Every structure is written in C-alpha cells, then in structure tokens.
Amino acid sequence: MSAVDYSGAAAASGRALPNRARRGTAGADPAGSAVTRRIARAAACVLFAAGIAPAGAVPGGHGSDAALQACLAQRNGIGQAADPAAARRCLQHVAEDGAPAAMFLLAQMLADGDGGARDDAAAHAWLERAAELDYPEALQALALAEPDGERAEGLMRAAAHALAHRAHETRAVRQGMRQAVRRE
C-alpha cells in the first residue's frame, strides 16, 4: 500500500495516510464529487469572508500574490472582461510556481470544466499537491471526497491544524501592521 505524508495530516492521525486517490478510489461517485466541490468552494469562501484566509495571503512562488490576484481578476472580470480560459492558464503558471491557493483554485476550475475541458484526474492531482503544502481547503476537499472514514478524519484534522496555523499567522501579521502604524 502506498502512502502520502501530508505532514500535518500524518501528525494529526499519528501515522501516514493511505493514498487511495492515486489508486483511483477517491471521488468515484460523480454526483458526490460535484457536491463535494460545492461544499469545499463554500467553505473556502466562508474562510476568506471571515478574514481567516485573506485573499492576499498566498505563500509560495515569486510574486505569487500579485500573480494570483491577476488570475482572479481575469476569472471574475474585475477591470476587464471575464476570461475563464485565460484565468485557467494564468492559474496553471502560478500553481506551477508553488502557490497552494492557485493549485486549489485551478483544481476547482479543472473539476468544473471552467475555462476548458473538465479534467477530474488533473483536478485531483492539483488538490493533492496543495494538500502536501498543508493548504487547509485542499485537505478539506480531499477529506470530503474520501470514502475511507478513518483517512477522511485524519485529513479533516490536518485541515483544522493547518487552518489554526494560518489564523495565527494572519493575526501576527495584522498585529505587526498595527504596531508599525503606531510607530509612524
């Protein structure tokens, strides 16, 4: 049996987690995967809206934050006509530079066929890559699609752990910004 160590996921469960996804058993139910994508997208939106996952907090890559914002502007038609195909190409480049937020968004577009042909295998591969970087939304999406309850629980625990780290980092950044403003 092959295994993937999602760092936080393995630590949360105390062991490496089986990689059923690469063997093709995860997300076998097409109706369930569509529901899972909607739930994961809604969860990500709630996190962004709550300020726990600010849109500008994108680790990885060189200038990935600005590049991700440009991709989102293309996708959503902010300051330009919406162009999902161009946004998908843009996200591909940013994801390849190592930005887990771009990996997650690209996975969503691939799974939905937004901006091009639907590609569930590529979508799942990008989710796996983002999860390996402890991106909470990717860990959560994988957990929701996981048929093995024990592995799903480990992935959810890893998502919660990664989210707690993100919240702590966000608070630290905000506190540092407030202190910098007070000094001026």
C-alpha atoms as a PDB file:
ATOM      1  CA  MET A   1       0.000   0.000   0.000  1.00  0.00           C
ATOM      2  CA  SER A   2       1.417   3.399  -0.954  1.00  0.00           C
ATOM      3  CA  ALA A   3       1.257   6.284   1.499  1.00  0.00           C
ATOM      4  CA  VAL A   4       1.411  10.045   1.408  1.00  0.00           C
ATOM      5  CA  ASP A   5       2.624  12.022   4.400  1.00  0.00           C
ATOM      6  CA  TYR A   6       0.681  15.269   4.458  1.00  0.00           C
ATOM      7  CA  SER A   7       2.878  16.435   7.351  1.00  0.00           C
ATOM      8  CA  GLY A   8       0.028  17.838   9.394  1.00  0.00           C
ATOM      9  CA  ALA A   9      -2.290  15.010   8.382  1.00  0.00           C
ATOM     10  CA  ALA A  10       0.179  12.345   9.421  1.00  0.00           C
ATOM     11  CA  ALA A  11       0.951  14.174  12.642  1.00  0.00           C
ATOM     12  CA  ALA A  12      -2.738  14.577  13.438  1.00  0.00           C
ATOM     13  CA  SER A  13      -3.509  10.911  12.937  1.00  0.00           C
ATOM     14  CA  GLY A  14      -0.186   9.651  14.234  1.00  0.00           C
ATOM     15  CA  ARG A  15       0.595   7.733  11.035  1.00  0.00           C
ATOM     16  CA  ALA A  16       0.998   8.089   7.297  1.00  0.00           C
ATOM     17  CA  LEU A  17      -2.280   8.103   5.439  1.00  0.00           C
ATOM     18  CA  PRO A  18      -3.038   5.671   2.598  1.00  0.00           C
ATOM     19  CA  ASN A  19      -3.157   7.309  -0.789  1.00  0.00           C
ATOM     20  CA  ARG A  20      -6.336   5.832  -2.243  1.00  0.00           C
ATOM     21  CA  ALA A  21      -6.729   8.809  -4.580  1.00  0.00           C
ATOM     22  CA  ARG A  22      -3.742   7.852  -6.726  1.00  0.00           C
ATOM     23  CA  ARG A  23      -5.125   4.341  -6.949  1.00  0.00           C
ATOM     24  CA  GLY A  24      -8.368   5.787  -8.320  1.00  0.00           C
ATOM     25  CA  THR A  25     -10.816   5.012  -5.494  1.00  0.00           C
ATOM     26  CA  ALA A  26     -11.388   8.516  -4.143  1.00  0.00           C
ATOM     27  CA  GLY A  27     -14.209  10.558  -5.601  1.00  0.00           C
ATOM     28  CA  ALA A  28     -15.607   7.610  -7.562  1.00  0.00           C
ATOM     29  CA  ASP A  29     -19.155   8.932  -7.155  1.00  0.00           C
ATOM     30  CA  PRO A  30     -19.633  11.700  -9.760  1.00  0.00           C
ATOM     31  CA  ALA A  31     -22.686  13.140  -8.004  1.00  0.00           C
ATOM     32  CA  GLY A  32     -20.854  13.147  -4.680  1.00  0.00           C
ATOM     33  CA  SER A  33     -17.823  14.856  -6.185  1.00  0.00           C
ATOM     34  CA  ALA A  34     -19.978  17.700  -7.536  1.00  0.00           C
ATOM     35  CA  VAL A  35     -21.500  18.173  -4.089  1.00  0.00           C
ATOM     36  CA  THR A  36     -18.031  17.954  -2.528  1.00  0.00           C
ATOM     37  CA  ARG A  37     -16.721  20.668  -4.853  1.00  0.00           C
ATOM     38  CA  ARG A  38     -19.621  22.951  -3.956  1.00  0.00           C
ATOM     39  CA  ILE A  39     -19.092  22.349  -0.234  1.00  0.00           C
ATOM     40  CA  ALA A  40     -15.339  22.921  -0.500  1.00  0.00           C
ATOM     41  CA  ARG A  41     -15.841  26.106  -2.513  1.00  0.00           C
ATOM     42  CA  ALA A  42     -18.410  27.385   0.003  1.00  0.00           C
ATOM     43  CA  ALA A  43     -16.041  26.609   2.879  1.00  0.00           C
ATOM     44  CA  ALA A  44     -13.211  28.460   1.161  1.00  0.00           C
ATOM     45  CA  CYS A  45     -15.482  31.474   0.581  1.00  0.00           C
ATOM     46  CA  VAL A  46     -16.510  31.493   4.242  1.00  0.00           C
ATOM     47  CA  LEU A  47     -12.857  31.403   5.329  1.00  0.00           C
ATOM     48  CA  PHE A  48     -11.976  34.282   3.006  1.00  0.00           C
ATOM     49  CA  ALA A  49     -15.002  36.296   4.145  1.00  0.00           C
ATOM     50  CA  ALA A  50     -14.208  35.672   7.822  1.00  0.00           C
ATOM     51  CA  GLY A  51     -10.737  37.079   7.338  1.00  0.00           C
ATOM     52  CA  ILE A  52      -9.153  33.798   8.388  1.00  0.00           C
ATOM     53  CA  ALA A  53      -7.858  33.276   4.861  1.00  0.00           C
ATOM     54  CA  PRO A  54      -7.259  36.736   3.423  1.00  0.00           C
ATOM     55  CA  ALA A  55      -7.196  36.799  -0.364  1.00  0.00           C
ATOM     56  CA  GLY A  56      -3.708  38.308  -0.258  1.00  0.00           C
ATOM     57  CA  ALA A  57      -2.162  35.591   1.913  1.00  0.00           C
ATOM     58  CA  VAL A  58      -0.669  33.331  -0.699  1.00  0.00           C
ATOM     59  CA  PRO A  59       2.591  31.624   0.217  1.00  0.00           C
ATOM     60  CA  GLY A  60       4.906  30.245  -2.422  1.00  0.00           C
ATOM     61  CA  GLY A  61       6.362  31.344  -5.731  1.00  0.00           C
ATOM     62  CA  HIS A  62       7.894  34.659  -6.723  1.00  0.00           C
ATOM     63  CA  GLY A  63       5.290  37.396  -6.635  1.00  0.00           C
ATOM     64  CA  SER A  64       2.585  34.744  -6.400  1.00  0.00           C
ATOM     65  CA  ASP A  65       0.236  37.079  -4.531  1.00  0.00           C
ATOM     66  CA  ALA A  66       0.134  39.650  -7.330  1.00  0.00           C
ATOM     67  CA  ALA A  67       0.010  36.919  -9.973  1.00  0.00           C
ATOM     68  CA  LEU A  68      -2.865  35.178  -8.197  1.00  0.00           C
ATOM     69  CA  GLN A  69      -4.774  38.450  -7.956  1.00  0.00           C
ATOM     70  CA  ALA A  70      -4.285  38.971 -11.696  1.00  0.00           C
ATOM     71  CA  CYS A  71      -5.621  35.470 -12.391  1.00  0.00           C
ATOM     72  CA  LEU A  72      -8.656  36.103 -10.204  1.00  0.00           C
ATOM     73  CA  ALA A  73      -9.304  39.400 -11.981  1.00  0.00           C
ATOM     74  CA  GLN A  74      -9.299  37.538 -15.303  1.00  0.00           C
ATOM     75  CA  ARG A  75     -11.586  34.840 -13.958  1.00  0.00           C
ATOM     76  CA  ASN A  76     -14.078  37.210 -12.345  1.00  0.00           C
ATOM     77  CA  GLY A  77     -13.946  40.049 -14.873  1.00  0.00           C
ATOM     78  CA  ILE A  78     -12.534  42.637 -12.483  1.00  0.00           C
ATOM     79  CA  GLY A  79     -11.312  45.607 -14.516  1.00  0.00           C
ATOM     80  CA  GLN A  80     -11.608  43.565 -17.706  1.00  0.00           C
ATOM     81  CA  ALA A  81     -13.929  41.151 -19.450  1.00  0.00           C
ATOM     82  CA  ALA A  82     -14.106  37.782 -17.691  1.00  0.00           C
ATOM     83  CA  ASP A  83     -11.930  35.226 -19.465  1.00  0.00           C
ATOM     84  CA  PRO A  84     -12.034  31.853 -17.700  1.00  0.00           C
ATOM     85  CA  ALA A  85      -9.704  30.203 -20.258  1.00  0.00           C
ATOM     86  CA  ALA A  86      -7.026  32.858 -19.712  1.00  0.00           C
ATOM     87  CA  ALA A  87      -7.576  32.647 -15.945  1.00  0.00           C
ATOM     88  CA  ARG A  88      -7.078  28.888 -16.056  1.00  0.00           C
ATOM     89  CA  ARG A  89      -3.784  29.290 -17.978  1.00  0.00           C
ATOM     90  CA  CYS A  90      -2.718  32.002 -15.548  1.00  0.00           C
ATOM     91  CA  LEU A  91      -3.541  29.827 -12.518  1.00  0.00           C
ATOM     92  CA  GLN A  92      -1.596  26.957 -14.100  1.00  0.00           C
ATOM     93  CA  HIS A  93       1.560  29.123 -14.192  1.00  0.00           C
ATOM     94  CA  VAL A  94       1.115  30.402 -10.641  1.00  0.00           C
ATOM     95  CA  ALA A  95       0.358  26.880  -9.378  1.00  0.00           C
ATOM     96  CA  GLU A  96       3.486  25.558 -11.071  1.00  0.00           C
ATOM     97  CA  ASP A  97       5.441  28.237  -9.161  1.00  0.00           C
ATOM     98  CA  GLY A  98       4.266  26.612  -5.922  1.00  0.00           C
ATOM     99  CA  ALA A  99       1.321  28.720  -4.741  1.00  0.00           C
ATOM    100  CA  PRO A 100      -1.137  26.359  -2.986  1.00  0.00           C
ATOM    101  CA  ALA A 101      -4.064  28.802  -3.330  1.00  0.00           C
ATOM    102  CA  ALA A 102      -3.563  28.765  -7.104  1.00  0.00           C
ATOM    103  CA  MET A 103      -3.332  24.960  -7.038  1.00  0.00           C
ATOM    104  CA  PHE A 104      -6.647  24.780  -5.194  1.00  0.00           C
ATOM    105  CA  LEU A 105      -8.408  27.257  -7.487  1.00  0.00           C
ATOM    106  CA  LEU A 106      -7.012  25.543 -10.587  1.00  0.00           C
ATOM    107  CA  ALA A 107      -8.287  22.211  -9.263  1.00  0.00           C
ATOM    108  CA  GLN A 108     -11.762  23.721  -8.869  1.00  0.00           C
ATOM    109  CA  MET A 109     -11.720  25.097 -12.423  1.00  0.00           C
ATOM    110  CA  LEU A 110     -10.487  21.775 -13.840  1.00  0.00           C
ATOM    111  CA  ALA A 111     -13.122  19.813 -11.925  1.00  0.00           C
ATOM    112  CA  ASP A 112     -15.898  22.135 -13.088  1.00  0.00           C
ATOM    113  CA  GLY A 113     -14.679  22.439 -16.689  1.00  0.00           C
ATOM    114  CA  ASP A 114     -14.459  26.211 -16.169  1.00  0.00           C
ATOM    115  CA  GLY A 115     -12.267  27.760 -18.872  1.00  0.00           C
ATOM    116  CA  GLY A 116     -11.687  24.488 -20.723  1.00  0.00           C
ATOM    117  CA  ALA A 117     -12.385  20.799 -20.734  1.00  0.00           C
ATOM    118  CA  ARG A 118     -13.234  19.090 -17.462  1.00  0.00           C
ATOM    119  CA  ASP A 119     -10.299  17.033 -16.146  1.00  0.00           C
ATOM    120  CA  ASP A 120     -11.019  15.249 -12.868  1.00  0.00           C
ATOM    121  CA  ALA A 121      -7.643  13.483 -12.780  1.00  0.00           C
ATOM    122  CA  ALA A 122      -5.690  16.731 -13.136  1.00  0.00           C
ATOM    123  CA  ALA A 123      -8.007  18.439 -10.639  1.00  0.00           C
ATOM    124  CA  HIS A 124      -7.330  15.727  -8.087  1.00  0.00           C
ATOM    125  CA  ALA A 125      -3.580  15.881  -8.728  1.00  0.00           C
ATOM    126  CA  TRP A 126      -3.565  19.648  -8.040  1.00  0.00           C
ATOM    127  CA  LEU A 127      -5.600  19.110  -4.863  1.00  0.00           C
ATOM    128  CA  GLU A 128      -3.025  16.528  -3.753  1.00  0.00           C
ATOM    129  CA  ARG A 129      -0.162  18.969  -4.413  1.00  0.00           C
ATOM    130  CA  ALA A 130      -1.885  21.747  -2.453  1.00  0.00           C
ATOM    131  CA  ALA A 131      -2.613  19.309   0.389  1.00  0.00           C
ATOM    132  CA  GLU A 132       1.050  18.314   0.504  1.00  0.00           C
ATOM    133  CA  LEU A 133       1.736  22.009   1.232  1.00  0.00           C
ATOM    134  CA  ASP A 134      -0.818  21.871   4.095  1.00  0.00           C
ATOM    135  CA  TYR A 135      -3.340  24.097   2.299  1.00  0.00           C
ATOM    136  CA  PRO A 136      -6.464  23.701   4.500  1.00  0.00           C
ATOM    137  CA  GLU A 137      -9.048  23.978   1.735  1.00  0.00           C
ATOM    138  CA  ALA A 138      -7.343  21.235  -0.289  1.00  0.00           C
ATOM    139  CA  LEU A 139      -7.087  18.949   2.743  1.00  0.00           C
ATOM    140  CA  GLN A 140     -10.776  19.554   3.425  1.00  0.00           C
ATOM    141  CA  ALA A 141     -11.809  18.881  -0.182  1.00  0.00           C
ATOM    142  CA  LEU A 142      -9.837  15.624  -0.172  1.00  0.00           C
ATOM    143  CA  ALA A 143     -11.408  14.646   3.156  1.00  0.00           C
ATOM    144  CA  LEU A 144     -14.927  15.258   1.847  1.00  0.00           C
ATOM    145  CA  ALA A 145     -14.258  13.055  -1.184  1.00  0.00           C
ATOM    146  CA  GLU A 146     -12.508  10.289   0.781  1.00  0.00           C
ATOM    147  CA  PRO A 147     -14.559   7.077   1.114  1.00  0.00           C
ATOM    148  CA  ASP A 148     -12.354   5.746   3.954  1.00  0.00           C
ATOM    149  CA  GLY A 149     -13.760   7.321   7.122  1.00  0.00           C
ATOM    150  CA  GLU A 150     -10.530   6.972   9.089  1.00  0.00           C
ATOM    151  CA  ARG A 151      -8.460   8.667   6.402  1.00  0.00           C
ATOM    152  CA  ALA A 152     -11.136  11.358   5.939  1.00  0.00           C
ATOM    153  CA  GLU A 153     -10.989  12.103   9.666  1.00  0.00           C
ATOM    154  CA  GLY A 154      -7.196  12.410   9.540  1.00  0.00           C
ATOM    155  CA  LEU A 155      -7.426  14.788   6.599  1.00  0.00           C
ATOM    156  CA  MET A 156     -10.021  16.931   8.391  1.00  0.00           C
ATOM    157  CA  ARG A 157      -7.819  17.070  11.483  1.00  0.00           C
ATOM    158  CA  ALA A 158      -4.893  18.129   9.288  1.00  0.00           C
ATOM    159  CA  ALA A 159      -7.084  20.807   7.671  1.00  0.00           C
ATOM    160  CA  ALA A 160      -8.088  22.141  11.086  1.00  0.00           C
ATOM    161  CA  HIS A 161      -4.447  22.157  12.208  1.00  0.00           C
ATOM    162  CA  ALA A 162      -3.299  23.994   9.068  1.00  0.00           C
ATOM    163  CA  LEU A 163      -6.167  26.461   9.412  1.00  0.00           C
ATOM    164  CA  ALA A 164      -5.193  27.184  13.026  1.00  0.00           C
ATOM    165  CA  HIS A 165      -1.651  27.942  11.856  1.00  0.00           C
ATOM    166  CA  ARG A 166      -2.989  30.251   9.142  1.00  0.00           C
ATOM    167  CA  ALA A 167      -5.188  32.093  11.641  1.00  0.00           C
ATOM    168  CA  HIS A 168      -2.222  32.535  13.991  1.00  0.00           C
ATOM    169  CA  GLU A 169      -0.024  33.843  11.158  1.00  0.00           C
ATOM    170  CA  THR A 170      -2.771  36.201   9.979  1.00  0.00           C
ATOM    171  CA  ARG A 171      -3.229  37.602  13.490  1.00  0.00           C
ATOM    172  CA  ALA A 172       0.545  38.048  13.848  1.00  0.00           C
ATOM    173  CA  VAL A 173       0.742  39.904  10.530  1.00  0.00           C
ATOM    174  CA  ARG A 174      -2.182  42.155  11.439  1.00  0.00           C
ATOM    175  CA  GLN A 175      -0.701  42.856  14.865  1.00  0.00           C
ATOM    176  CA  GLY A 176       2.650  43.684  13.282  1.00  0.00           C
ATOM    177  CA  MET A 177       0.961  46.039  10.835  1.00  0.00           C
ATOM    178  CA  ARG A 178      -0.866  47.810  13.679  1.00  0.00           C
ATOM    179  CA  GLN A 179       2.378  48.230  15.609  1.00  0.00           C
ATOM    180  CA  ALA A 180       4.123  49.618  12.530  1.00  0.00           C
ATOM    181  CA  VAL A 181       1.325  52.157  12.023  1.00  0.00           C
ATOM    182  CA  ARG A 182       1.503  53.243  15.682  1.00  0.00           C
ATOM    183  CA  ARG A 183       5.249  53.905  15.351  1.00  0.00           C
ATOM    184  CA  GLU A 184       4.734  56.288  12.430  1.00  0.00           C
END
